[in-house]
Amino acid sequence: MKKDPNDPTGLGSIPVTPSDIRFNQDFISFGAVDCEELVCVRTAGTELQTSGENEAIQVMGYCSKACNLESTTACAVTHPDTAEDVKATLGCRPLLLDQVALDTLKRTNPAEFERLFGRNESPNFCASKGVGTAGS
């Protein structure tokens, strides 16, 4: 799920569709109500998994959360539907702008920062490093 741009409250969500995704780019969605931390990720280069039919097709990802690059245990998998290839390669890595760019945007345009990133303060999230990269 992603924020509904037509919801003036900023609380509504709509499905992520294949047209929202670029194969070679990570995708992160804030406000994913299916996830405990409201963050859903799809790793760049992974097979496009979908649910639904025809116009109702939506892209599936996995639940994530903000993390600290220094922590070795921050990214333990808790959601039972997480795919095995994701579990095997899950770690803390930057998915957004780097910290300096994120801080600059927050300072220079707080309204746009809030619209894009909500209350998030970190560019680092628990994310798969990609299929077939376990042990790398």
N, C-alpha and C. Protein backbone atom coordinates (compact mmCIF):
# COMPACT_ATOMS: atom_id res chain seq x y z
N MET A 1 0.84 -1.18 0.00
CA MET A 1 0.00 0.00 0.00
C MET A 1 0.89 1.25 0.00
N LYS A 2 0.33 2.31 -0.54
CA LYS A 2 1.02 3.60 -0.54
C LYS A 2 -0.01 4.66 -0.16
N LYS A 3 0.48 5.85 0.21
CA LYS A 3 -0.42 6.94 0.55
C LYS A 3 -1.30 7.28 -0.64
N ASP A 4 -2.55 7.58 -0.36
CA ASP A 4 -3.49 8.01 -1.40
C ASP A 4 -3.29 9.51 -1.62
N PRO A 5 -2.79 9.91 -2.79
CA PRO A 5 -2.54 11.33 -3.03
C PRO A 5 -3.82 12.17 -3.06
N ASN A 6 -4.97 11.52 -3.19
CA ASN A 6 -6.25 12.25 -3.23
C ASN A 6 -6.92 12.37 -1.87
N ASP A 7 -6.28 11.82 -0.83
CA ASP A 7 -6.84 11.90 0.52
C ASP A 7 -6.24 13.10 1.24
N PRO A 8 -7.03 14.14 1.49
CA PRO A 8 -6.49 15.35 2.12
C PRO A 8 -5.99 15.13 3.54
N THR A 9 -6.43 14.05 4.19
CA THR A 9 -5.97 13.79 5.56
C THR A 9 -4.57 13.19 5.58
N GLY A 10 -4.15 12.59 4.45
CA GLY A 10 -2.84 11.93 4.41
C GLY A 10 -2.85 10.57 5.08
N LEU A 11 -4.02 10.11 5.49
CA LEU A 11 -4.12 8.84 6.20
C LEU A 11 -4.60 7.70 5.33
N GLY A 12 -5.17 8.01 4.18
CA GLY A 12 -5.70 6.98 3.30
C GLY A 12 -4.60 6.29 2.51
N SER A 13 -4.87 5.07 2.08
CA SER A 13 -3.88 4.36 1.28
C SER A 13 -4.55 3.66 0.10
N ILE A 14 -3.73 3.41 -0.92
CA ILE A 14 -4.18 2.70 -2.11
C ILE A 14 -3.12 1.67 -2.46
N PRO A 15 -3.48 0.64 -3.24
CA PRO A 15 -2.50 -0.40 -3.59
C PRO A 15 -1.36 0.14 -4.46
N VAL A 16 -0.18 -0.45 -4.30
CA VAL A 16 0.94 -0.21 -5.20
C VAL A 16 0.70 -1.10 -6.41
N THR A 17 0.77 -0.52 -7.60
CA THR A 17 0.51 -1.27 -8.83
C THR A 17 1.81 -1.45 -9.62
N PRO A 18 1.84 -2.36 -10.58
CA PRO A 18 3.05 -2.56 -11.38
C PRO A 18 3.58 -1.28 -12.03
N SER A 19 2.71 -0.35 -12.39
CA SER A 19 3.18 0.89 -13.01
C SER A 19 3.95 1.78 -12.04
N ASP A 20 3.84 1.53 -10.73
CA ASP A 20 4.58 2.29 -9.72
C ASP A 20 6.02 1.80 -9.57
N ILE A 21 6.32 0.64 -10.11
CA ILE A 21 7.58 -0.05 -9.84
C ILE A 21 8.54 0.04 -11.02
N ARG A 22 9.81 0.27 -10.70
CA ARG A 22 10.90 0.13 -11.67
C ARG A 22 11.71 -1.07 -11.22
N PHE A 23 11.95 -2.00 -12.12
CA PHE A 23 12.59 -3.27 -11.79
C PHE A 23 13.92 -3.08 -11.05
N ASN A 24 14.71 -2.11 -11.46
CA ASN A 24 16.05 -1.96 -10.91
C ASN A 24 16.14 -0.94 -9.77
N GLN A 25 15.01 -0.59 -9.16
CA GLN A 25 15.02 0.34 -8.04
C GLN A 25 14.25 -0.22 -6.86
N ASP A 26 14.80 0.01 -5.66
CA ASP A 26 14.07 -0.34 -4.45
C ASP A 26 12.81 0.53 -4.39
N PHE A 27 11.77 -0.01 -3.75
CA PHE A 27 10.53 0.74 -3.55
C PHE A 27 10.20 0.67 -2.08
N ILE A 28 9.93 1.81 -1.47
CA ILE A 28 9.55 1.85 -0.06
C ILE A 28 8.24 2.62 0.06
N SER A 29 7.34 2.09 0.86
CA SER A 29 6.04 2.71 1.07
C SER A 29 5.82 2.93 2.56
N PHE A 30 5.51 4.16 2.93
CA PHE A 30 5.18 4.48 4.32
C PHE A 30 3.66 4.49 4.44
N GLY A 31 3.15 4.00 5.53
CA GLY A 31 1.70 3.96 5.73
C GLY A 31 1.09 2.64 5.32
N ALA A 32 1.90 1.58 5.23
CA ALA A 32 1.40 0.25 4.86
C ALA A 32 0.70 -0.36 6.07
N VAL A 33 -0.62 -0.35 6.07
CA VAL A 33 -1.39 -0.77 7.23
C VAL A 33 -1.24 -2.26 7.54
N ASP A 34 -0.75 -3.06 6.60
CA ASP A 34 -0.53 -4.48 6.87
C ASP A 34 0.72 -4.74 7.68
N CYS A 35 1.56 -3.73 7.86
CA CYS A 35 2.83 -3.89 8.55
C CYS A 35 2.82 -3.19 9.91
N GLU A 36 3.39 -3.85 10.89
CA GLU A 36 3.42 -3.32 12.24
C GLU A 36 4.03 -1.92 12.31
N GLU A 37 5.13 -1.70 11.58
CA GLU A 37 5.80 -0.40 11.59
C GLU A 37 5.32 0.51 10.45
N LEU A 38 4.30 0.07 9.70
CA LEU A 38 3.70 0.83 8.60
C LEU A 38 4.65 1.08 7.43
N VAL A 39 5.68 0.24 7.29
CA VAL A 39 6.67 0.39 6.23
C VAL A 39 6.72 -0.90 5.42
N CYS A 40 6.59 -0.76 4.10
CA CYS A 40 6.66 -1.92 3.20
C CYS A 40 7.72 -1.64 2.15
N VAL A 41 8.51 -2.68 1.80
CA VAL A 41 9.61 -2.54 0.86
C VAL A 41 9.50 -3.60 -0.23
N ARG A 42 9.92 -3.25 -1.42
CA ARG A 42 10.15 -4.21 -2.50
C ARG A 42 11.57 -3.98 -2.97
N THR A 43 12.38 -5.03 -2.98
CA THR A 43 13.79 -4.93 -3.32
C THR A 43 13.99 -4.85 -4.83
N ALA A 44 14.89 -3.98 -5.25
CA ALA A 44 15.22 -3.84 -6.68
C ALA A 44 15.66 -5.17 -7.27
N GLY A 45 15.23 -5.42 -8.49
CA GLY A 45 15.68 -6.59 -9.22
C GLY A 45 15.02 -7.90 -8.86
N THR A 46 14.07 -7.89 -7.94
CA THR A 46 13.42 -9.14 -7.55
C THR A 46 12.19 -9.38 -8.42
N GLU A 47 11.78 -10.63 -8.47
CA GLU A 47 10.60 -11.01 -9.24
C GLU A 47 9.39 -10.21 -8.76
N LEU A 48 8.60 -9.75 -9.71
CA LEU A 48 7.42 -8.97 -9.38
C LEU A 48 6.32 -9.91 -8.91
N GLN A 49 6.01 -9.86 -7.62
CA GLN A 49 4.94 -10.68 -7.05
C GLN A 49 3.71 -9.80 -6.91
N THR A 50 2.58 -10.32 -7.39
CA THR A 50 1.35 -9.53 -7.36
C THR A 50 0.21 -10.35 -6.79
N SER A 51 -0.84 -9.66 -6.46
CA SER A 51 -2.09 -10.30 -6.07
C SER A 51 -3.22 -9.56 -6.75
N GLY A 52 -4.37 -10.17 -6.87
CA GLY A 52 -5.51 -9.55 -7.52
C GLY A 52 -5.58 -9.93 -8.98
N GLU A 53 -6.58 -9.39 -9.65
CA GLU A 53 -6.80 -9.69 -11.06
C GLU A 53 -7.06 -8.41 -11.85
N ASN A 54 -6.62 -8.41 -13.10
CA ASN A 54 -6.83 -7.32 -14.05
C ASN A 54 -6.48 -5.96 -13.45
N GLU A 55 -7.42 -5.03 -13.38
CA GLU A 55 -7.11 -3.70 -12.88
C GLU A 55 -6.87 -3.67 -11.37
N ALA A 56 -7.19 -4.75 -10.68
CA ALA A 56 -7.00 -4.78 -9.23
C ALA A 56 -5.62 -5.34 -8.85
N ILE A 57 -4.74 -5.58 -9.83
CA ILE A 57 -3.42 -6.14 -9.53
C ILE A 57 -2.64 -5.16 -8.66
N GLN A 58 -2.08 -5.69 -7.58
CA GLN A 58 -1.23 -4.87 -6.73
C GLN A 58 0.07 -5.60 -6.44
N VAL A 59 1.14 -4.83 -6.33
CA VAL A 59 2.47 -5.37 -6.09
C VAL A 59 2.61 -5.71 -4.61
N MET A 60 3.22 -6.85 -4.35
CA MET A 60 3.44 -7.29 -2.97
C MET A 60 4.90 -7.02 -2.59
N GLY A 61 5.11 -6.61 -1.37
CA GLY A 61 6.45 -6.40 -0.84
C GLY A 61 6.56 -7.13 0.48
N TYR A 62 7.40 -6.64 1.36
CA TYR A 62 7.54 -7.22 2.69
C TYR A 62 7.68 -6.10 3.72
N CYS A 63 7.29 -6.40 4.94
CA CYS A 63 7.31 -5.41 6.01
C CYS A 63 8.74 -5.09 6.39
N SER A 64 8.96 -3.84 6.76
CA SER A 64 10.29 -3.37 7.14
C SER A 64 10.15 -2.40 8.31
N LYS A 65 11.28 -1.88 8.72
CA LYS A 65 11.31 -0.86 9.78
C LYS A 65 12.63 -0.12 9.68
N ALA A 66 12.66 1.07 10.26
CA ALA A 66 13.90 1.83 10.32
C ALA A 66 14.90 1.06 11.18
N CYS A 67 16.18 1.23 10.87
CA CYS A 67 17.20 0.49 11.62
C CYS A 67 18.48 1.31 11.72
N ASN A 68 19.38 0.81 12.53
CA ASN A 68 20.69 1.42 12.75
C ASN A 68 21.73 0.57 12.04
N LEU A 69 22.54 1.17 11.19
CA LEU A 69 23.56 0.42 10.44
C LEU A 69 24.53 -0.34 11.34
N GLU A 70 24.70 0.12 12.57
CA GLU A 70 25.65 -0.51 13.49
C GLU A 70 25.09 -1.79 14.12
N SER A 71 23.78 -1.97 14.09
CA SER A 71 23.16 -3.11 14.76
C SER A 71 23.20 -4.36 13.88
N THR A 72 23.53 -5.48 14.49
CA THR A 72 23.54 -6.74 13.76
C THR A 72 22.25 -7.53 13.96
N THR A 73 21.41 -7.10 14.89
CA THR A 73 20.18 -7.84 15.18
C THR A 73 18.91 -7.04 14.91
N ALA A 74 19.02 -5.82 14.44
CA ALA A 74 17.87 -4.94 14.26
C ALA A 74 16.88 -5.43 13.21
N CYS A 75 17.30 -6.31 12.34
CA CYS A 75 16.45 -6.70 11.21
C CYS A 75 15.96 -8.14 11.28
N ALA A 76 15.65 -8.60 12.47
CA ALA A 76 15.08 -9.94 12.60
C ALA A 76 13.71 -9.96 11.93
N VAL A 77 13.41 -11.03 11.21
CA VAL A 77 12.14 -11.15 10.50
C VAL A 77 11.05 -11.55 11.47
N THR A 78 9.94 -10.79 11.47
CA THR A 78 8.84 -11.11 12.37
C THR A 78 7.56 -11.46 11.62
N HIS A 79 7.41 -11.02 10.38
CA HIS A 79 6.18 -11.28 9.64
C HIS A 79 6.21 -12.69 9.07
N PRO A 80 5.19 -13.50 9.32
CA PRO A 80 5.21 -14.92 8.90
C PRO A 80 5.18 -15.13 7.38
N ASP A 81 4.74 -14.15 6.62
CA ASP A 81 4.65 -14.32 5.16
C ASP A 81 5.90 -13.88 4.41
N THR A 82 6.96 -13.50 5.12
CA THR A 82 8.18 -13.05 4.46
C THR A 82 8.83 -14.21 3.71
N ALA A 83 9.16 -14.00 2.45
CA ALA A 83 9.77 -15.04 1.61
C ALA A 83 11.14 -15.45 2.14
N GLU A 84 11.50 -16.70 1.93
CA GLU A 84 12.78 -17.23 2.42
C GLU A 84 13.97 -16.49 1.82
N ASP A 85 13.92 -16.11 0.52
CA ASP A 85 15.06 -15.41 -0.07
C ASP A 85 15.24 -14.02 0.54
N VAL A 86 14.15 -13.42 0.99
CA VAL A 86 14.25 -12.13 1.69
C VAL A 86 14.86 -12.34 3.07
N LYS A 87 14.36 -13.34 3.81
CA LYS A 87 14.89 -13.62 5.15
C LYS A 87 16.39 -13.87 5.12
N ALA A 88 16.86 -14.59 4.09
CA ALA A 88 18.26 -14.97 4.00
C ALA A 88 19.19 -13.78 3.72
N THR A 89 18.65 -12.70 3.18
CA THR A 89 19.51 -11.57 2.79
C THR A 89 19.14 -10.26 3.49
N LEU A 90 18.28 -10.33 4.50
CA LEU A 90 17.81 -9.13 5.17
C LEU A 90 18.91 -8.49 5.99
N GLY A 91 19.04 -7.18 5.85
CA GLY A 91 20.01 -6.42 6.63
C GLY A 91 19.63 -4.95 6.62
N CYS A 92 20.35 -4.16 7.37
CA CYS A 92 20.10 -2.73 7.45
C CYS A 92 20.90 -2.03 6.35
N ARG A 93 20.20 -1.24 5.54
CA ARG A 93 20.87 -0.49 4.49
C ARG A 93 20.05 0.75 4.12
N PRO A 94 20.68 1.75 3.53
CA PRO A 94 19.93 2.95 3.13
C PRO A 94 19.01 2.66 1.95
N LEU A 95 17.78 3.14 2.04
CA LEU A 95 16.80 3.01 0.95
C LEU A 95 16.34 4.37 0.44
N LEU A 96 16.59 5.39 1.19
CA LEU A 96 16.16 6.73 0.80
C LEU A 96 17.38 7.54 0.44
N LEU A 97 17.23 8.82 0.45
CA LEU A 97 18.36 9.72 0.29
C LEU A 97 19.37 9.44 1.38
N ASP A 98 20.62 9.86 1.19
CA ASP A 98 21.57 9.70 2.29
C ASP A 98 21.18 10.65 3.43
N GLN A 99 21.78 10.47 4.59
CA GLN A 99 21.38 11.22 5.78
C GLN A 99 21.51 12.73 5.58
N VAL A 100 22.56 13.19 4.91
CA VAL A 100 22.75 14.63 4.70
C VAL A 100 21.62 15.19 3.84
N ALA A 101 21.28 14.51 2.74
CA ALA A 101 20.20 14.99 1.87
C ALA A 101 18.86 14.97 2.59
N LEU A 102 18.62 13.92 3.37
CA LEU A 102 17.37 13.83 4.13
C LEU A 102 17.26 14.98 5.13
N ASP A 103 18.35 15.26 5.85
CA ASP A 103 18.37 16.36 6.82
C ASP A 103 18.19 17.71 6.13
N THR A 104 18.82 17.88 4.97
CA THR A 104 18.71 19.14 4.23
C THR A 104 17.27 19.37 3.78
N LEU A 105 16.63 18.35 3.24
CA LEU A 105 15.23 18.49 2.82
C LEU A 105 14.34 18.83 4.00
N LYS A 106 14.56 18.18 5.12
CA LYS A 106 13.74 18.45 6.31
C LYS A 106 13.90 19.89 6.77
N ARG A 107 15.14 20.39 6.71
CA ARG A 107 15.42 21.76 7.16
C ARG A 107 14.89 22.80 6.17
N THR A 108 15.07 22.56 4.86
CA THR A 108 14.72 23.57 3.86
C THR A 108 13.26 23.52 3.41
N ASN A 109 12.63 22.36 3.50
CA ASN A 109 11.25 22.24 3.06
C ASN A 109 10.51 21.25 3.95
N PRO A 110 10.23 21.64 5.19
CA PRO A 110 9.61 20.71 6.14
C PRO A 110 8.26 20.16 5.68
N ALA A 111 7.47 20.94 4.97
CA ALA A 111 6.16 20.44 4.52
C ALA A 111 6.34 19.32 3.49
N GLU A 112 7.25 19.50 2.55
CA GLU A 112 7.50 18.47 1.53
C GLU A 112 8.12 17.23 2.19
N PHE A 113 9.02 17.45 3.15
CA PHE A 113 9.61 16.32 3.88
C PHE A 113 8.52 15.49 4.55
N GLU A 114 7.62 16.17 5.24
CA GLU A 114 6.52 15.49 5.94
C GLU A 114 5.61 14.74 4.96
N ARG A 115 5.34 15.36 3.82
CA ARG A 115 4.49 14.73 2.81
C ARG A 115 5.13 13.46 2.26
N LEU A 116 6.43 13.49 2.02
CA LEU A 116 7.12 12.35 1.43
C LEU A 116 7.50 11.27 2.43
N PHE A 117 8.01 11.68 3.60
CA PHE A 117 8.61 10.73 4.53
C PHE A 117 7.91 10.63 5.87
N GLY A 118 6.86 11.40 6.07
CA GLY A 118 6.15 11.35 7.34
C GLY A 118 7.08 11.75 8.48
N ARG A 119 7.09 10.96 9.51
CA ARG A 119 7.92 11.26 10.69
C ARG A 119 9.26 10.53 10.66
N ASN A 120 9.53 9.88 9.58
CA ASN A 120 10.77 9.14 9.45
C ASN A 120 11.98 10.07 9.51
N GLU A 121 13.00 9.67 10.24
CA GLU A 121 14.21 10.48 10.39
C GLU A 121 15.45 9.81 9.82
N SER A 122 15.34 8.59 9.36
CA SER A 122 16.50 7.82 8.94
C SER A 122 16.36 7.33 7.50
N PRO A 123 17.48 7.27 6.76
CA PRO A 123 17.44 6.68 5.42
C PRO A 123 17.62 5.16 5.45
N ASN A 124 17.87 4.60 6.63
CA ASN A 124 18.21 3.18 6.76
C ASN A 124 17.01 2.34 7.18
N PHE A 125 16.79 1.24 6.42
CA PHE A 125 15.68 0.34 6.68
C PHE A 125 16.13 -1.10 6.54
N CYS A 126 15.42 -1.99 7.20
CA CYS A 126 15.66 -3.42 7.04
C CYS A 126 15.19 -3.79 5.64
N ALA A 127 16.09 -4.31 4.83
CA ALA A 127 15.75 -4.64 3.46
C ALA A 127 16.63 -5.77 2.96
N SER A 128 16.09 -6.53 2.06
CA SER A 128 16.85 -7.60 1.43
C SER A 128 17.93 -6.97 0.56
N LYS A 129 19.05 -7.63 0.50
CA LYS A 129 20.14 -7.15 -0.37
C LYS A 129 19.96 -7.70 -1.78
N GLY A 130 18.89 -8.43 -1.98
CA GLY A 130 18.59 -8.97 -3.31
C GLY A 130 18.62 -10.48 -3.31
N VAL A 131 17.86 -11.06 -4.20
CA VAL A 131 17.78 -12.50 -4.30
C VAL A 131 19.13 -13.07 -4.70
N GLY A 132 19.54 -14.14 -4.04
CA GLY A 132 20.78 -14.81 -4.39
C GLY A 132 22.03 -14.14 -3.86
N THR A 133 21.87 -13.23 -2.88
CA THR A 133 23.04 -12.53 -2.35
C THR A 133 23.35 -12.92 -0.92
N ALA A 134 22.75 -13.98 -0.42
CA ALA A 134 23.00 -14.41 0.96
C ALA A 134 24.49 -14.65 1.15
N GLY A 135 25.00 -14.15 2.25
CA GLY A 135 26.41 -14.35 2.57
C GLY A 135 27.31 -13.32 1.92
N SER A 136 26.76 -12.39 1.14
CA SER A 136 27.59 -11.38 0.50
C SER A 136 27.82 -10.21 1.43
